[in-house]
Amino acid sequence: MATPRLTKPTIGVLEVLLAAAADTPAWGLSICRDADLGSGTVYPILDRLSEHGWIRSWNETDAHPGRPPRRYYELTASGRRLAAQALERRARSRGLRVARAATGAPGSPA
């Protein structure tokens, strides 16, 4: 599986996806808000991550009057592992320490 280019915005999106709980997946505008990025930046990143097999997405099935269904995004198992490894490598190369919970490491609260 290829590694997408890890720009600062891509890292922000990956951090949001890594922090999302399985029972409350992230959706497009929540990712924009949490990563502090515009939709014109976030959605192309999500497309690239999907093309690389790092994330999966699906449409909300419950009806919500007054708004269209949300599109949810979550890291695949391999995407979670690769994202955590990539962020850890990047942090180490910059002399930073990555918190284990943020990497989704086994035994850490995710």
N, C-alpha and C. Protein backbone atom coordinates (compact mmCIF):
# COMPACT_ATOMS: atom_id res chain seq x y z
N MET A 1 0.85 -1.18 0.00
CA MET A 1 0.00 0.00 0.00
C MET A 1 0.89 1.24 0.00
N ALA A 2 0.66 2.12 -0.92
CA ALA A 2 1.47 3.32 -1.06
C ALA A 2 1.16 4.33 0.05
N THR A 3 2.14 5.14 0.34
CA THR A 3 1.97 6.18 1.35
C THR A 3 1.64 7.50 0.66
N PRO A 4 0.52 8.12 1.03
CA PRO A 4 0.21 9.43 0.45
C PRO A 4 1.20 10.47 0.97
N ARG A 5 1.32 11.56 0.24
CA ARG A 5 2.19 12.65 0.66
C ARG A 5 1.68 13.21 1.98
N LEU A 6 2.56 13.27 2.98
CA LEU A 6 2.15 13.69 4.32
C LEU A 6 2.39 15.18 4.52
N THR A 7 1.53 15.98 3.90
CA THR A 7 1.58 17.42 4.09
C THR A 7 1.00 17.75 5.46
N LYS A 8 1.18 18.97 5.89
CA LYS A 8 0.63 19.40 7.18
C LYS A 8 -0.89 19.20 7.23
N PRO A 9 -1.64 19.59 6.17
CA PRO A 9 -3.08 19.34 6.20
C PRO A 9 -3.42 17.84 6.25
N THR A 10 -2.68 17.01 5.53
CA THR A 10 -2.94 15.57 5.55
C THR A 10 -2.70 15.02 6.95
N ILE A 11 -1.68 15.48 7.60
CA ILE A 11 -1.39 15.05 8.97
C ILE A 11 -2.53 15.46 9.90
N GLY A 12 -3.05 16.66 9.72
CA GLY A 12 -4.18 17.11 10.53
C GLY A 12 -5.39 16.22 10.35
N VAL A 13 -5.69 15.83 9.11
CA VAL A 13 -6.81 14.94 8.83
C VAL A 13 -6.57 13.57 9.46
N LEU A 14 -5.36 13.04 9.31
CA LEU A 14 -5.03 11.74 9.90
C LEU A 14 -5.17 11.77 11.42
N GLU A 15 -4.73 12.85 12.04
CA GLU A 15 -4.86 12.96 13.50
C GLU A 15 -6.31 12.94 13.93
N VAL A 16 -7.17 13.62 13.18
CA VAL A 16 -8.60 13.62 13.50
C VAL A 16 -9.17 12.21 13.35
N LEU A 17 -8.80 11.53 12.26
CA LEU A 17 -9.31 10.19 12.03
C LEU A 17 -8.79 9.20 13.08
N LEU A 18 -7.54 9.35 13.49
CA LEU A 18 -6.99 8.48 14.52
C LEU A 18 -7.68 8.70 15.86
N ALA A 19 -8.11 9.90 16.13
CA ALA A 19 -8.75 10.23 17.40
C ALA A 19 -10.23 9.85 17.44
N ALA A 20 -10.84 9.61 16.29
CA ALA A 20 -12.27 9.31 16.24
C ALA A 20 -12.55 7.94 16.85
N ALA A 21 -13.57 7.88 17.66
CA ALA A 21 -13.98 6.61 18.27
C ALA A 21 -14.80 5.80 17.27
N ALA A 22 -14.73 4.49 17.39
CA ALA A 22 -15.44 3.61 16.46
C ALA A 22 -16.95 3.84 16.47
N ASP A 23 -17.50 4.19 17.64
CA ASP A 23 -18.95 4.39 17.73
C ASP A 23 -19.38 5.80 17.34
N THR A 24 -18.43 6.69 17.10
CA THR A 24 -18.74 8.04 16.63
C THR A 24 -17.76 8.43 15.52
N PRO A 25 -17.95 7.86 14.33
CA PRO A 25 -17.02 8.14 13.24
C PRO A 25 -17.06 9.61 12.82
N ALA A 26 -15.99 10.05 12.23
CA ALA A 26 -15.89 11.43 11.76
C ALA A 26 -16.66 11.58 10.45
N TRP A 27 -17.22 12.75 10.22
CA TRP A 27 -17.85 13.07 8.94
C TRP A 27 -17.15 14.29 8.39
N GLY A 28 -17.36 14.56 7.12
CA GLY A 28 -16.63 15.59 6.41
C GLY A 28 -16.47 16.91 7.13
N LEU A 29 -17.59 17.54 7.50
CA LEU A 29 -17.49 18.86 8.13
C LEU A 29 -16.92 18.81 9.54
N SER A 30 -17.09 17.67 10.24
CA SER A 30 -16.46 17.55 11.56
C SER A 30 -14.94 17.45 11.41
N ILE A 31 -14.50 16.82 10.34
CA ILE A 31 -13.06 16.74 10.08
C ILE A 31 -12.52 18.13 9.77
N CYS A 32 -13.26 18.88 8.94
CA CYS A 32 -12.85 20.26 8.63
C CYS A 32 -12.72 21.08 9.92
N ARG A 33 -13.72 20.98 10.78
CA ARG A 33 -13.72 21.73 12.05
C ARG A 33 -12.56 21.29 12.95
N ASP A 34 -12.41 19.99 13.16
CA ASP A 34 -11.41 19.50 14.10
C ASP A 34 -9.98 19.67 13.60
N ALA A 35 -9.80 19.62 12.29
CA ALA A 35 -8.46 19.81 11.72
C ALA A 35 -8.20 21.29 11.41
N ASP A 36 -9.22 22.13 11.57
CA ASP A 36 -9.14 23.56 11.28
C ASP A 36 -8.71 23.80 9.83
N LEU A 37 -9.39 23.10 8.92
CA LEU A 37 -9.11 23.19 7.49
C LEU A 37 -10.41 23.39 6.73
N GLY A 38 -10.31 23.98 5.57
CA GLY A 38 -11.48 24.18 4.72
C GLY A 38 -11.85 22.91 3.96
N SER A 39 -13.09 22.87 3.53
CA SER A 39 -13.58 21.70 2.80
C SER A 39 -12.83 21.48 1.49
N GLY A 40 -12.37 22.56 0.86
CA GLY A 40 -11.60 22.44 -0.38
C GLY A 40 -10.24 21.80 -0.17
N THR A 41 -9.79 21.74 1.07
CA THR A 41 -8.55 21.05 1.42
C THR A 41 -8.84 19.64 1.90
N VAL A 42 -9.85 19.49 2.75
CA VAL A 42 -10.13 18.20 3.40
C VAL A 42 -10.63 17.15 2.41
N TYR A 43 -11.61 17.50 1.58
CA TYR A 43 -12.20 16.48 0.71
C TYR A 43 -11.20 15.89 -0.30
N PRO A 44 -10.31 16.67 -0.91
CA PRO A 44 -9.30 16.05 -1.77
C PRO A 44 -8.36 15.12 -0.98
N ILE A 45 -8.05 15.48 0.27
CA ILE A 45 -7.22 14.61 1.11
C ILE A 45 -7.95 13.30 1.37
N LEU A 46 -9.24 13.38 1.70
CA LEU A 46 -10.02 12.17 1.94
C LEU A 46 -10.07 11.30 0.68
N ASP A 47 -10.19 11.93 -0.47
CA ASP A 47 -10.18 11.17 -1.74
C ASP A 47 -8.85 10.44 -1.92
N ARG A 48 -7.74 11.13 -1.66
CA ARG A 48 -6.42 10.50 -1.81
C ARG A 48 -6.24 9.36 -0.81
N LEU A 49 -6.65 9.58 0.43
CA LEU A 49 -6.52 8.52 1.44
C LEU A 49 -7.36 7.31 1.05
N SER A 50 -8.52 7.55 0.47
CA SER A 50 -9.37 6.45 0.02
C SER A 50 -8.72 5.71 -1.14
N GLU A 51 -8.15 6.44 -2.09
CA GLU A 51 -7.47 5.82 -3.23
C GLU A 51 -6.29 4.95 -2.78
N HIS A 52 -5.64 5.34 -1.69
CA HIS A 52 -4.51 4.58 -1.16
C HIS A 52 -4.97 3.44 -0.25
N GLY A 53 -6.28 3.33 0.00
CA GLY A 53 -6.80 2.27 0.84
C GLY A 53 -6.66 2.51 2.33
N TRP A 54 -6.40 3.77 2.72
CA TRP A 54 -6.22 4.08 4.13
C TRP A 54 -7.53 4.31 4.85
N ILE A 55 -8.58 4.73 4.13
CA ILE A 55 -9.86 4.99 4.77
C ILE A 55 -10.99 4.32 4.00
N ARG A 56 -12.10 4.18 4.68
CA ARG A 56 -13.34 3.76 4.04
C ARG A 56 -14.40 4.80 4.39
N SER A 57 -15.42 4.89 3.58
CA SER A 57 -16.47 5.86 3.85
C SER A 57 -17.82 5.26 3.51
N TRP A 58 -18.87 5.82 4.11
CA TRP A 58 -20.22 5.37 3.86
C TRP A 58 -21.18 6.51 4.20
N ASN A 59 -22.36 6.44 3.62
CA ASN A 59 -23.38 7.45 3.87
C ASN A 59 -24.21 7.09 5.10
N GLU A 60 -24.59 8.11 5.82
CA GLU A 60 -25.49 7.98 6.96
C GLU A 60 -26.81 7.37 6.47
N THR A 61 -27.37 6.46 7.25
CA THR A 61 -28.61 5.81 6.83
C THR A 61 -29.86 6.38 7.50
N ASP A 62 -29.71 6.99 8.66
CA ASP A 62 -30.85 7.58 9.36
C ASP A 62 -31.25 8.89 8.69
N ALA A 63 -32.56 9.12 8.62
CA ALA A 63 -33.06 10.37 8.03
C ALA A 63 -32.93 11.51 9.04
N HIS A 64 -32.49 12.65 8.56
CA HIS A 64 -32.39 13.86 9.38
C HIS A 64 -33.01 15.01 8.61
N PRO A 65 -34.25 15.36 8.93
CA PRO A 65 -34.92 16.44 8.21
C PRO A 65 -34.11 17.74 8.26
N GLY A 66 -34.03 18.39 7.14
CA GLY A 66 -33.37 19.68 7.09
C GLY A 66 -31.90 19.64 6.69
N ARG A 67 -31.35 18.44 6.53
CA ARG A 67 -29.96 18.36 6.07
C ARG A 67 -29.76 17.05 5.31
N PRO A 68 -28.82 17.05 4.39
CA PRO A 68 -28.55 15.81 3.65
C PRO A 68 -27.82 14.81 4.56
N PRO A 69 -27.81 13.54 4.16
CA PRO A 69 -27.10 12.55 4.97
C PRO A 69 -25.60 12.86 5.03
N ARG A 70 -25.02 12.57 6.18
CA ARG A 70 -23.57 12.76 6.34
C ARG A 70 -22.83 11.62 5.66
N ARG A 71 -21.60 11.90 5.27
CA ARG A 71 -20.71 10.86 4.77
C ARG A 71 -19.67 10.64 5.86
N TYR A 72 -19.63 9.43 6.40
CA TYR A 72 -18.71 9.10 7.48
C TYR A 72 -17.41 8.54 6.92
N TYR A 73 -16.32 8.77 7.66
CA TYR A 73 -14.99 8.31 7.26
C TYR A 73 -14.31 7.66 8.45
N GLU A 74 -13.62 6.55 8.18
CA GLU A 74 -12.81 5.92 9.22
C GLU A 74 -11.60 5.26 8.57
N LEU A 75 -10.54 5.17 9.33
CA LEU A 75 -9.34 4.50 8.86
C LEU A 75 -9.60 3.00 8.78
N THR A 76 -9.08 2.36 7.74
CA THR A 76 -9.12 0.91 7.68
C THR A 76 -8.10 0.40 8.70
N ALA A 77 -8.10 -0.89 8.96
CA ALA A 77 -7.14 -1.45 9.92
C ALA A 77 -5.71 -1.16 9.46
N SER A 78 -5.43 -1.41 8.19
CA SER A 78 -4.08 -1.14 7.69
C SER A 78 -3.82 0.36 7.62
N GLY A 79 -4.84 1.15 7.30
CA GLY A 79 -4.69 2.60 7.26
C GLY A 79 -4.36 3.17 8.63
N ARG A 80 -5.01 2.63 9.67
CA ARG A 80 -4.74 3.07 11.05
C ARG A 80 -3.30 2.77 11.41
N ARG A 81 -2.86 1.56 11.09
CA ARG A 81 -1.49 1.16 11.41
C ARG A 81 -0.48 2.02 10.64
N LEU A 82 -0.71 2.19 9.34
CA LEU A 82 0.21 2.97 8.52
C LEU A 82 0.22 4.44 8.91
N ALA A 83 -0.95 5.00 9.23
CA ALA A 83 -1.03 6.40 9.65
C ALA A 83 -0.26 6.60 10.95
N ALA A 84 -0.48 5.70 11.91
CA ALA A 84 0.22 5.81 13.20
C ALA A 84 1.73 5.71 13.00
N GLN A 85 2.17 4.78 12.17
CA GLN A 85 3.60 4.62 11.90
C GLN A 85 4.17 5.86 11.20
N ALA A 86 3.45 6.36 10.23
CA ALA A 86 3.93 7.54 9.48
C ALA A 86 4.03 8.76 10.39
N LEU A 87 3.03 8.96 11.24
CA LEU A 87 3.06 10.11 12.15
C LEU A 87 4.17 9.95 13.19
N GLU A 88 4.38 8.73 13.64
CA GLU A 88 5.44 8.49 14.62
C GLU A 88 6.82 8.73 13.99
N ARG A 89 7.02 8.22 12.76
CA ARG A 89 8.29 8.45 12.05
C ARG A 89 8.53 9.94 11.84
N ARG A 90 7.49 10.64 11.43
CA ARG A 90 7.61 12.07 11.17
C ARG A 90 7.96 12.82 12.45
N ALA A 91 7.31 12.45 13.54
CA ALA A 91 7.58 13.11 14.82
C ALA A 91 9.01 12.82 15.27
N ARG A 92 9.45 11.58 15.13
CA ARG A 92 10.82 11.23 15.52
C ARG A 92 11.84 11.99 14.70
N SER A 93 11.56 12.15 13.41
CA SER A 93 12.51 12.87 12.55
C SER A 93 12.59 14.34 12.93
N ARG A 94 11.57 14.82 13.61
CA ARG A 94 11.55 16.21 14.07
C ARG A 94 11.93 16.33 15.54
N GLY A 95 12.30 15.20 16.15
CA GLY A 95 12.73 15.21 17.54
C GLY A 95 11.58 15.32 18.52
N LEU A 96 10.38 14.95 18.10
CA LEU A 96 9.21 15.01 18.97
C LEU A 96 8.84 13.61 19.44
N ARG A 97 8.10 13.54 20.49
CA ARG A 97 7.62 12.27 21.01
C ARG A 97 6.11 12.21 20.77
N VAL A 98 5.64 11.09 20.21
CA VAL A 98 4.23 10.92 19.93
C VAL A 98 3.59 10.19 21.10
N ALA A 99 2.47 10.71 21.59
CA ALA A 99 1.73 10.05 22.67
C ALA A 99 1.18 8.73 22.14
N ARG A 100 1.28 7.67 22.92
CA ARG A 100 0.84 6.36 22.46
C ARG A 100 -0.65 6.33 22.16
N ALA A 101 -1.46 7.05 22.90
CA ALA A 101 -2.90 7.07 22.63
C ALA A 101 -3.18 7.65 21.25
N ALA A 102 -2.41 8.63 20.83
CA ALA A 102 -2.63 9.26 19.53
C ALA A 102 -2.26 8.33 18.38
N THR A 103 -1.41 7.37 18.63
CA THR A 103 -0.98 6.47 17.55
C THR A 103 -1.86 5.26 17.44
N GLY A 104 -2.77 5.05 18.39
CA GLY A 104 -3.63 3.88 18.32
C GLY A 104 -2.86 2.62 18.65
N ALA A 105 -1.79 2.73 19.42
CA ALA A 105 -0.96 1.58 19.76
C ALA A 105 -1.76 0.61 20.62
N PRO A 106 -1.47 -0.69 20.47
CA PRO A 106 -2.18 -1.69 21.26
C PRO A 106 -2.04 -1.37 22.76
N GLY A 107 -3.14 -1.55 23.45
CA GLY A 107 -3.13 -1.30 24.89
C GLY A 107 -3.32 0.15 25.27
N SER A 108 -3.42 1.02 24.29
CA SER A 108 -3.61 2.44 24.60
C SER A 108 -5.08 2.79 24.42
N PRO A 109 -5.56 3.73 25.20
CA PRO A 109 -6.96 4.15 25.01
C PRO A 109 -7.08 4.88 23.69
N ALA A 110 -7.99 4.45 22.84
CA ALA A 110 -8.12 5.08 21.53
C ALA A 110 -9.42 5.80 21.37
